[in-house]
Protein backbone atom coordinates (compact mmCIF):
# COMPACT_ATOMS: atom_id res chain seq x y z
CA MET A 1 0.03 0.05 -0.06
CA LEU A 2 1.10 3.49 -0.91
CA ALA A 3 2.38 5.32 2.33
CA SER A 4 -0.30 7.50 3.86
CA THR A 5 -0.95 9.91 6.62
CA VAL A 6 -4.18 10.14 8.53
CA THR A 7 -6.34 12.31 10.92
CA THR A 8 -9.72 12.30 12.29
CA LEU A 9 -12.40 14.66 13.16
CA GLN A 10 -15.12 13.94 15.64
CA ASP A 11 -17.88 16.06 17.63
CA ASN A 12 -20.21 13.69 19.45
CA SER A 13 -21.99 16.68 21.32
CA ALA A 14 -25.30 16.32 19.43
CA HIS A 15 -26.36 12.70 20.16
CA GLY A 16 -23.14 10.62 21.00
CA GLU A 17 -23.83 7.97 18.44
CA ASP A 18 -21.06 8.41 15.97
CA ASN A 19 -18.11 6.21 16.08
CA LEU A 20 -14.82 5.72 14.16
CA LEU A 21 -11.89 3.23 13.90
CA THR A 22 -8.62 3.72 12.15
CA LYS A 23 -6.10 0.90 12.52
CA ASP A 24 -2.67 0.41 11.20
CA LEU A 25 -2.20 -3.09 9.89
CA GLY A 26 1.51 -2.90 9.17
CA ASN A 27 3.50 -2.32 6.03
CA GLY A 28 1.35 0.95 5.03
CA ASP A 29 -2.04 -1.29 5.16
CA PHE A 30 -4.81 -0.06 7.34
CA LEU A 31 -8.51 -0.36 8.28
CA ASP A 32 -10.62 3.05 8.34
CA VAL A 33 -14.16 2.90 9.52
CA VAL A 34 -16.91 5.37 10.37
CA MET A 35 -20.33 4.45 11.87
CA ASP A 36 -23.14 6.61 12.50
CA GLY A 37 -25.72 5.22 15.09
CA VAL A 38 -29.26 5.84 14.15
CA THR A 39 -30.76 8.37 16.74
CA GLY A 40 -33.43 6.94 19.01
CA HIS A 41 -32.49 3.47 18.05
CA GLY A 42 -29.84 2.60 20.46
CA GLY A 43 -27.30 3.91 18.02
CA GLU A 44 -24.60 4.79 20.58
CA GLN A 45 -24.59 1.16 21.84
CA ALA A 46 -24.55 -0.13 18.09
CA SER A 47 -21.97 2.00 16.63
CA THR A 48 -19.45 1.34 19.91
CA GLU A 49 -19.96 -2.58 19.71
CA LEU A 50 -19.36 -2.74 16.01
CA ALA A 51 -16.23 -0.34 16.29
CA GLU A 52 -14.97 -2.84 19.15
CA ALA A 53 -15.86 -5.91 16.86
CA LEU A 54 -13.93 -4.73 13.98
CA ASN A 55 -11.05 -3.42 16.20
CA GLY A 56 -10.66 -7.11 17.35
CA THR A 57 -9.75 -8.15 13.73
CA GLU A 58 -7.05 -7.81 11.25
CA PRO A 59 -8.89 -8.52 8.20
CA ALA A 60 -7.00 -9.73 4.93
CA ASN A 61 -9.93 -8.80 2.53
CA SER A 62 -13.41 -7.37 2.47
CA ASP A 63 -14.89 -10.82 2.87
CA GLU A 64 -13.74 -10.87 6.48
CA ILE A 65 -15.09 -7.40 7.02
CA GLN A 66 -18.52 -8.73 5.54
CA THR A 67 -18.46 -11.68 7.93
CA VAL A 68 -18.14 -9.48 10.95
CA LEU A 69 -20.96 -7.21 9.68
CA GLU A 70 -23.30 -10.28 9.30
CA GLU A 71 -22.20 -11.53 12.74
CA MET A 72 -22.95 -8.16 14.44
CA ASN A 73 -26.21 -7.64 12.28
CA ALA A 74 -27.53 -10.95 13.66
CA ASP A 75 -26.57 -10.06 17.57
CA PHE A 76 -28.22 -6.78 17.11
CA TYR A 77 -31.51 -8.00 15.26
CA SER A 78 -31.83 -10.75 17.91
CA VAL A 79 -31.90 -8.08 20.56
CA GLY A 80 -33.51 -5.16 18.76
CA ALA A 81 -35.87 -6.84 16.17
CA GLY A 82 -34.91 -4.21 13.62
CA ARG A 83 -35.90 -1.42 15.99
CA PHE A 84 -33.23 -0.86 18.23
CA LEU A 85 -29.38 -1.26 17.86
CA LEU A 86 -28.96 0.34 14.38
CA THR A 87 -25.94 1.83 12.86
CA THR A 88 -24.47 2.75 9.41
CA VAL A 89 -21.00 1.64 8.71
CA SER A 90 -18.53 2.61 5.83
CA ALA A 91 -15.12 0.67 6.02
CA VAL A 92 -12.20 1.00 3.84
CA LEU A 93 -9.39 -1.66 4.05
CA GLY A 94 -6.02 -0.79 2.43
CA ARG A 95 -4.15 -3.89 1.47
CA GLY A 96 -1.47 -4.32 -1.11
CA ASN A 97 -2.29 -1.79 -3.94
CA GLN A 98 -6.05 -1.91 -3.38
CA LEU A 99 -8.76 -0.10 -1.29
CA GLN A 100 -11.27 -2.74 -0.52
CA ILE A 101 -14.49 -0.81 0.55
CA VAL A 102 -17.72 -2.18 2.25
CA THR A 103 -20.69 0.02 3.33
CA ALA A 104 -23.89 -0.65 4.70
CA GLY A 105 -26.26 2.61 5.00
CA ASP A 106 -25.54 6.03 3.80
CA SER A 107 -22.37 7.34 5.33
CA PRO A 108 -20.31 8.31 2.21
CA ILE A 109 -16.77 7.81 1.16
CA PHE A 110 -15.01 10.18 -1.44
CA LEU A 111 -11.69 9.88 -3.22
CA ILE A 112 -10.13 13.25 -4.12
CA ASN A 113 -7.31 14.34 -6.14
CA LYS A 114 -6.17 17.46 -8.23
CA ASP A 115 -8.43 16.52 -11.12
CA GLY A 116 -11.67 16.11 -9.33
CA HIS A 117 -13.48 13.92 -6.91
CA GLN A 118 -15.40 10.53 -6.82
CA LYS A 119 -18.08 9.24 -4.39
CA ILE A 120 -17.10 5.86 -4.11
CA SER A 121 -20.04 4.69 -1.81
CA GLY A 122 -23.01 6.18 0.39
CA HIS A 123 -25.00 9.08 0.10
CA ALA A 124 -24.25 12.70 0.76
CA GLY A 125 -26.70 15.43 1.66
CA GLY A 126 -30.24 15.22 3.01
CA PHE A 127 -32.28 12.65 4.70
CA MET A 128 -32.21 9.39 3.22
CA HIS A 129 -34.64 6.70 4.94
CA VAL A 130 -33.06 3.75 2.81
CA GLY A 131 -29.75 4.53 4.42
CA VAL A 132 -31.45 3.36 7.96
CA ALA A 133 -33.29 0.20 6.02
CA ARG A 134 -29.74 -1.02 5.09
CA ALA A 135 -28.35 -0.33 8.49
CA ILE A 136 -26.61 -2.96 10.54
CA GLY A 137 -29.32 -4.31 12.72
CA ALA A 138 -32.31 -3.28 10.73
CA SER A 139 -33.28 -6.75 9.22
CA GLU A 140 -32.81 -10.30 9.91
CA GLN A 141 -30.35 -10.93 7.14
CA LEU A 142 -28.13 -7.99 6.54
CA GLY A 143 -29.29 -6.12 3.50
CA GLN A 144 -26.97 -5.79 0.46
CA THR A 145 -23.87 -4.02 1.25
CA HIS A 146 -22.09 -2.07 -1.33
CA ARG A 147 -18.50 -3.30 -2.10
CA VAL A 148 -16.05 -1.99 -4.50
CA GLU A 149 -12.39 -1.98 -4.97
CA VAL A 150 -10.33 1.04 -5.96
CA GLN A 151 -6.52 1.51 -6.75
CA PRO A 152 -5.36 4.71 -5.23
CA SER A 153 -2.60 6.92 -6.70
CA PRO A 154 -0.08 9.15 -5.37
CA GLY A 155 -1.72 12.43 -4.44
CA ASP A 156 -5.08 10.85 -3.80
CA ARG A 157 -6.99 11.91 -0.86
CA LEU A 158 -9.81 9.47 0.99
CA VAL A 159 -12.59 10.81 3.11
CA LEU A 160 -15.01 8.97 5.07
CA ALA A 161 -17.84 11.12 6.66
CA THR A 162 -21.10 10.96 8.52
CA ASP A 163 -23.93 12.95 7.70
CA GLY A 164 -23.17 15.52 10.31
CA ILE A 165 -20.47 16.56 7.64
CA THR A 166 -22.16 16.13 4.56
CA ASP A 167 -25.43 17.69 5.40
CA ASN A 168 -23.79 20.97 6.06
CA MET A 169 -21.17 20.96 3.56
CA SER A 170 -21.56 20.11 -0.15
CA ILE A 171 -19.49 17.63 -1.75
CA ASP A 172 -17.85 20.19 -3.90
CA GLU A 173 -17.11 22.30 -0.69
CA LEU A 174 -15.62 19.47 1.15
CA ALA A 175 -13.52 18.22 -1.87
CA GLU A 176 -12.15 21.74 -2.46
CA VAL A 177 -11.13 22.07 1.28
CA VAL A 178 -9.35 18.55 1.25
CA ARG A 179 -7.67 19.22 -2.18
CA ASN A 180 -6.32 22.54 -1.10
CA ALA A 181 -5.03 21.53 2.28
CA ALA A 182 -1.22 20.81 2.80
CA THR A 183 -2.11 18.04 5.45
CA PRO A 184 -4.99 16.06 6.55
CA GLU A 185 -4.90 17.78 9.72
CA ALA A 186 -5.38 21.21 7.99
CA ALA A 187 -8.06 19.66 5.91
CA ALA A 188 -9.98 18.78 9.30
CA GLU A 189 -9.52 22.15 10.72
CA SER A 190 -11.01 23.75 7.74
CA ILE A 191 -13.97 21.46 7.84
CA GLU A 192 -14.63 22.07 11.32
CA SER A 193 -14.18 26.00 10.99
CA THR A 194 -16.80 25.85 8.10
CA ILE A 195 -19.14 23.74 10.05
CA HIS A 196 -18.72 25.64 13.28
CA MET A 197 -19.52 28.98 11.39
CA ARG A 198 -22.63 27.64 10.02
CA LEU A 199 -23.76 26.43 13.40
CA GLN A 200 -23.19 30.05 14.52
CA ASP A 201 -25.40 31.40 11.92
CA GLY A 202 -27.94 28.54 11.87
CA TYR A 203 -27.95 27.99 8.00
CA VAL A 204 -26.23 26.41 5.22
CA PRO A 205 -26.25 27.02 1.33
CA GLU A 206 -29.67 26.44 -0.18
CA THR A 207 -28.53 23.50 -2.06
CA LEU A 208 -28.22 21.82 1.29
CA GLY A 209 -31.63 22.92 2.55
CA VAL A 210 -30.70 26.21 4.13
CA ARG A 211 -31.30 25.23 7.61
CA PHE A 212 -28.29 23.95 9.51
CA ARG A 213 -28.66 20.26 10.58
CA TYR A 214 -27.27 19.73 14.23
CA ASP A 215 -25.88 16.21 14.45
CA ASP A 216 -22.84 14.18 15.35
CA ARG A 217 -20.06 14.61 12.98
CA THR A 218 -17.12 12.40 12.18
CA CYS A 219 -14.62 12.23 9.40
CA ILE A 220 -11.42 10.24 8.71
CA ILE A 221 -9.07 11.99 6.26
CA ARG A 222 -5.97 10.00 4.72
CA PHE A 223 -3.63 11.51 2.26
CA PHE A 224 -1.60 9.22 -0.06
CA GLU A 225 1.94 10.24 -0.70
């Protein structure tokens, strides 16, 4: 895997239900995961338990991540019957020269470079009930996950985010901030500054719905060298 640097951004002051994991697997390999627990449906417990389960593994491939998700889905459903213990998950496994991506729910993943940006998975902006329907714990059998492989190039920048970020910044805004930043930390600071300003003002651009959406916000930003 290409050498990379990574930072995280998290503010759980709204509901306390987001979670994240970034794990060094050696030789430049890594596992990055964001989870957005569903508000009012045991989201904090679900996202925490899923993060702990994934942290206890060193997956060789996306199939092994899928297995963990299926096991946790069964556990959550046996307790919550699809109404309690619900969380989205977006995971990126960097192994060899590939990014192996597995997502359930609507937390988006972006690949950004000097030429543009690509939403690899998930949904960004606005409310999306299908994201909840596909969340871990929502059904007896885990719904269809989105799985894809991408080969990063030097200079590419990876972003995993929950909707507390993407409901309050457009994809274009987010991509521009990350593209222009010298480091992942600088990108995170700019994102947090923009969202804090909009929280203070109480509104966002009209394309995002005008009114600020107060939610937990979590982001993992990784720059490939």
